[in-house]
Amino acid sequence: MPTTYPLDLDGWQDRPDHNLFSSLNLAVVSEVFAGNSAAVVFGWHYFFAGGSNRTEVVFTSNRDFLRYIERARPGDHLTLFDLEAVDQRAFLRVGLRESTARVAMTEPEVAMIDERLIRGEEIAAVRRFVGPLTGEVEASVEELDGSDDQAALDATRIAWTWARGELYLFEQSTFDEDGEGGLIETVSPGAQQRRVNALVDAKRPSDGGLVPLSGPY
């Protein structure tokens, strides 16, 4: 897809490992979906010089993933995770994927979530469910920063539990672990760093296959 706006490529490099379109990165996503109709790939889209916060993304097919990244702008960064590869890292899992009942939490589970949020923890919630109209697996991802506002806590639980399916709650820091006891706190990992739990941590390349090693996100 040709670039339709001016692009300063100073400092951009040919780095297949950081290139979202490289055969390596395309293959690992394709493999997650191969033969698994319940697969979910989720994560975050960081916009290069976009002047906005990151956006949650979620895919339930390789086709949807490919369509999405084709529309991204050169330099945009996607950090993606395979739900079934990280599901054991969730601090809470409730509900069943095929269930048509509301997700239900016990009082101790609700209290635990409130305590985490009041302490200032950031939580990511991933829901996987069977669409009532399509009969196919669908998914969503939401985030919440810590809060001591009871109304905000109540609204969050309602938003997470109104619908069917299964719900996974993760500490946000899980997705930035470097595998050595530390966290990667920038969009672009530094030299010799990698998000150990990430399926893909790469950028949409320019028409010439170049990607920025860092940049304004």
Protein backbone atom coordinates (compact mmCIF):
# COMPACT_ATOMS: atom_id res chain seq x y z
CA MET A 1 0.00 0.00 0.00
CA PRO A 2 1.70 3.26 -1.07
CA THR A 3 2.34 6.00 1.45
CA THR A 4 0.15 9.02 0.74
CA TYR A 5 1.76 11.66 2.95
CA PRO A 6 5.29 13.08 3.50
CA LEU A 7 7.48 10.87 5.67
CA ASP A 8 10.89 11.71 7.19
CA LEU A 9 12.86 8.46 7.16
CA ASP A 10 15.94 9.82 8.94
CA GLY A 11 17.13 7.14 11.34
CA TRP A 12 14.81 4.43 10.01
CA GLN A 13 16.45 1.05 9.44
CA ASP A 14 15.96 -2.34 7.82
CA ARG A 15 15.12 -4.46 10.89
CA PRO A 16 13.05 -7.56 10.09
CA ASP A 17 12.51 -8.29 13.79
CA HIS A 18 10.92 -4.85 14.24
CA ASN A 19 9.05 -4.98 10.92
CA LEU A 20 5.38 -5.85 11.32
CA PHE A 21 5.28 -7.09 7.72
CA SER A 22 8.33 -9.38 7.98
CA SER A 23 7.78 -13.05 7.25
CA LEU A 24 8.72 -13.85 10.86
CA ASN A 25 6.11 -11.60 12.45
CA LEU A 26 3.38 -12.51 9.97
CA ALA A 27 4.07 -16.20 10.50
CA VAL A 28 3.81 -16.19 14.30
CA VAL A 29 0.38 -14.53 14.15
CA SER A 30 -0.80 -16.86 11.40
CA GLU A 31 0.29 -19.87 13.46
CA VAL A 32 -1.82 -18.78 16.43
CA PHE A 33 -4.97 -18.82 14.31
CA ALA A 34 -4.15 -21.95 12.31
CA GLY A 35 -6.64 -24.65 13.27
CA ASN A 36 -7.83 -22.79 16.38
CA SER A 37 -11.22 -21.14 15.99
CA ALA A 38 -11.09 -19.90 19.60
CA ALA A 39 -7.78 -18.04 19.24
CA VAL A 40 -7.57 -14.41 20.31
CA VAL A 41 -4.70 -12.01 19.66
CA PHE A 42 -4.93 -8.72 21.53
CA GLY A 43 -2.78 -5.77 22.45
CA TRP A 44 -2.13 -2.12 21.75
CA HIS A 45 -1.62 0.14 18.75
CA TYR A 46 0.72 3.10 19.31
CA PHE A 47 0.45 5.82 16.68
CA PHE A 48 3.72 7.24 15.32
CA ALA A 49 3.61 11.02 15.80
CA GLY A 50 -0.12 10.60 16.13
CA GLY A 51 -0.70 12.93 19.05
CA SER A 52 -3.02 10.45 20.80
CA ASN A 53 -2.97 7.69 23.35
CA ARG A 54 -2.59 4.07 22.40
CA THR A 55 -5.63 2.11 21.23
CA GLU A 56 -6.69 -1.38 22.29
CA VAL A 57 -6.84 -3.91 19.45
CA VAL A 58 -8.17 -7.46 19.34
CA PHE A 59 -8.28 -10.03 16.52
CA THR A 60 -10.05 -13.37 16.21
CA SER A 61 -8.79 -14.27 12.73
CA ASN A 62 -5.63 -13.84 10.70
CA ARG A 63 -7.68 -12.15 7.98
CA ASP A 64 -8.82 -9.42 10.36
CA PHE A 65 -5.25 -8.93 11.58
CA LEU A 66 -3.89 -8.52 8.05
CA ARG A 67 -6.64 -6.08 7.07
CA TYR A 68 -5.95 -3.99 10.14
CA ILE A 69 -2.20 -3.67 9.76
CA GLU A 70 -2.56 -2.72 6.09
CA ARG A 71 -4.46 0.38 7.25
CA ALA A 72 -1.81 1.37 9.82
CA ARG A 73 0.58 4.24 9.12
CA PRO A 74 4.33 3.72 8.66
CA GLY A 75 6.03 3.84 12.04
CA ASP A 76 2.93 2.78 13.99
CA HIS A 77 3.84 0.22 16.65
CA LEU A 78 1.75 -2.84 17.59
CA THR A 79 2.44 -4.89 20.71
CA LEU A 80 0.38 -8.08 20.52
CA PHE A 81 -0.25 -11.10 22.76
CA ASP A 82 -1.71 -14.57 22.25
CA LEU A 83 -4.43 -14.98 24.90
CA GLU A 84 -3.88 -18.71 25.25
CA ALA A 85 -0.15 -18.15 25.77
CA VAL A 86 -0.67 -15.70 28.65
CA ASP A 87 -3.96 -16.87 30.16
CA GLN A 88 -2.20 -18.48 33.12
CA ARG A 89 -0.79 -15.07 34.04
CA ALA A 90 -4.27 -13.65 34.70
CA PHE A 91 -4.83 -12.92 38.39
CA LEU A 92 -8.53 -13.67 37.92
CA ARG A 93 -10.45 -15.72 35.38
CA VAL A 94 -14.23 -16.02 35.59
CA GLY A 95 -16.97 -17.33 33.32
CA LEU A 96 -17.01 -19.76 30.42
CA ARG A 97 -16.51 -18.95 26.75
CA GLU A 98 -19.70 -20.68 25.61
CA SER A 99 -21.86 -19.42 28.48
CA THR A 100 -24.84 -17.19 27.74
CA ALA A 101 -25.09 -16.07 31.39
CA ARG A 102 -23.63 -12.88 32.79
CA VAL A 103 -20.10 -13.12 34.11
CA ALA A 104 -20.48 -13.45 37.89
CA MET A 105 -17.89 -12.52 40.52
CA THR A 106 -17.92 -13.51 44.16
CA GLU A 107 -17.75 -10.86 46.88
CA PRO A 108 -14.10 -11.75 47.68
CA GLU A 109 -13.20 -11.39 43.99
CA VAL A 110 -14.90 -7.98 43.84
CA ALA A 111 -13.08 -6.89 46.99
CA MET A 112 -9.74 -8.04 45.56
CA ILE A 113 -10.25 -6.02 42.38
CA ASP A 114 -11.24 -2.93 44.38
CA GLU A 115 -8.15 -3.26 46.57
CA ARG A 116 -5.88 -3.50 43.55
CA LEU A 117 -7.41 -0.43 41.93
CA ILE A 118 -7.33 1.60 45.13
CA ARG A 119 -3.61 0.77 45.42
CA GLY A 120 -3.18 2.35 42.01
CA GLU A 121 -2.68 -0.81 39.97
CA GLU A 122 -3.49 -0.80 36.27
CA ILE A 123 -5.62 -3.68 35.06
CA ALA A 124 -6.29 -5.07 31.59
CA ALA A 125 -9.48 -7.06 31.03
CA VAL A 126 -9.82 -9.45 28.09
CA ARG A 127 -13.23 -10.96 27.34
CA ARG A 128 -13.77 -13.94 25.04
CA PHE A 129 -17.27 -15.06 24.14
CA VAL A 130 -19.39 -16.65 21.44
CA GLY A 131 -21.28 -14.06 19.42
CA PRO A 132 -25.05 -14.60 19.73
CA LEU A 133 -25.63 -13.74 16.08
CA THR A 134 -22.54 -15.22 14.42
CA GLY A 135 -21.94 -18.26 16.63
CA GLU A 136 -18.23 -17.46 16.32
CA VAL A 137 -15.70 -16.45 18.94
CA GLU A 138 -15.49 -12.72 19.57
CA ALA A 139 -13.37 -10.74 22.02
CA SER A 140 -12.72 -7.35 23.55
CA VAL A 141 -10.03 -5.71 25.66
CA GLU A 142 -10.42 -2.88 28.15
CA GLU A 143 -8.15 -1.08 30.60
CA LEU A 144 -8.62 0.66 33.92
CA ASP A 145 -6.19 2.76 35.91
CA GLY A 146 -6.23 2.74 39.69
CA SER A 147 -8.94 4.75 41.40
CA ASP A 148 -10.29 5.39 44.90
CA ASP A 149 -13.62 6.59 43.52
CA GLN A 150 -16.27 4.05 44.49
CA ALA A 151 -18.59 5.13 41.68
CA ALA A 152 -15.80 4.50 39.17
CA LEU A 153 -15.11 1.09 40.66
CA ASP A 154 -18.77 0.13 40.52
CA ALA A 155 -19.10 1.31 36.91
CA THR A 156 -16.06 -0.72 35.94
CA ARG A 157 -17.44 -3.93 37.41
CA ILE A 158 -20.75 -3.39 35.66
CA ALA A 159 -18.98 -2.85 32.33
CA TRP A 160 -16.93 -6.02 32.80
CA THR A 161 -19.70 -8.28 34.00
CA TRP A 162 -22.81 -7.31 32.02
CA ALA A 163 -22.12 -9.67 29.14
CA ARG A 164 -21.64 -13.37 28.50
CA GLY A 165 -18.48 -15.40 28.08
CA GLU A 166 -15.23 -15.56 30.01
CA LEU A 167 -13.24 -12.70 31.49
CA TYR A 168 -9.50 -12.56 32.19
CA LEU A 169 -8.04 -9.83 34.40
CA PHE A 170 -4.32 -9.10 34.15
CA GLU A 171 -1.92 -6.78 35.90
CA GLN A 172 -0.96 -4.37 33.13
CA SER A 173 2.71 -4.80 34.02
CA THR A 174 2.50 -8.42 32.83
CA PHE A 175 2.66 -7.19 29.27
CA ASP A 176 5.85 -5.17 29.75
CA GLU A 177 7.97 -7.78 31.53
CA ASP A 178 11.47 -8.17 30.10
CA GLY A 179 12.05 -11.69 31.42
CA GLU A 180 14.80 -10.56 33.78
CA GLY A 181 12.70 -9.14 36.57
CA GLY A 182 12.31 -5.70 35.02
CA LEU A 183 9.79 -3.82 32.92
CA ILE A 184 10.09 -2.15 29.52
CA GLU A 185 8.68 1.33 30.07
CA THR A 186 8.95 2.69 26.53
CA VAL A 187 6.99 1.79 23.41
CA SER A 188 10.12 0.62 21.58
CA PRO A 189 12.28 -1.87 23.52
CA GLY A 190 15.92 -0.84 23.80
CA ALA A 191 18.89 -2.78 22.52
CA GLN A 192 18.97 -6.36 23.78
CA GLN A 193 15.49 -5.94 25.31
CA ARG A 194 12.25 -7.72 24.51
CA ARG A 195 8.80 -8.03 26.03
CA VAL A 196 9.06 -11.65 27.01
CA ASN A 197 5.31 -12.32 26.86
CA ALA A 198 4.69 -10.58 23.53
CA LEU A 199 3.76 -12.47 20.39
CA VAL A 200 4.68 -9.49 18.19
CA ASP A 201 6.32 -6.19 19.16
CA ALA A 202 6.91 -4.44 15.85
CA LYS A 203 6.18 -1.48 13.60
CA ARG A 204 4.39 -0.88 10.33
CA PRO A 205 7.23 -0.31 7.81
CA SER A 206 7.64 2.36 5.17
CA ASP A 207 7.15 1.45 1.51
CA GLY A 208 10.86 0.60 1.44
CA GLY A 209 10.65 -1.77 4.40
CA LEU A 210 12.27 0.59 6.92
CA VAL A 211 11.15 1.06 10.53
CA PRO A 212 12.08 3.57 13.25
CA LEU A 213 13.89 2.12 16.25
CA SER A 214 12.08 4.63 18.44
CA GLY A 215 10.11 7.82 17.96
CA PRO A 216 7.26 10.01 19.11
CA TYR A 217 4.38 7.87 20.38
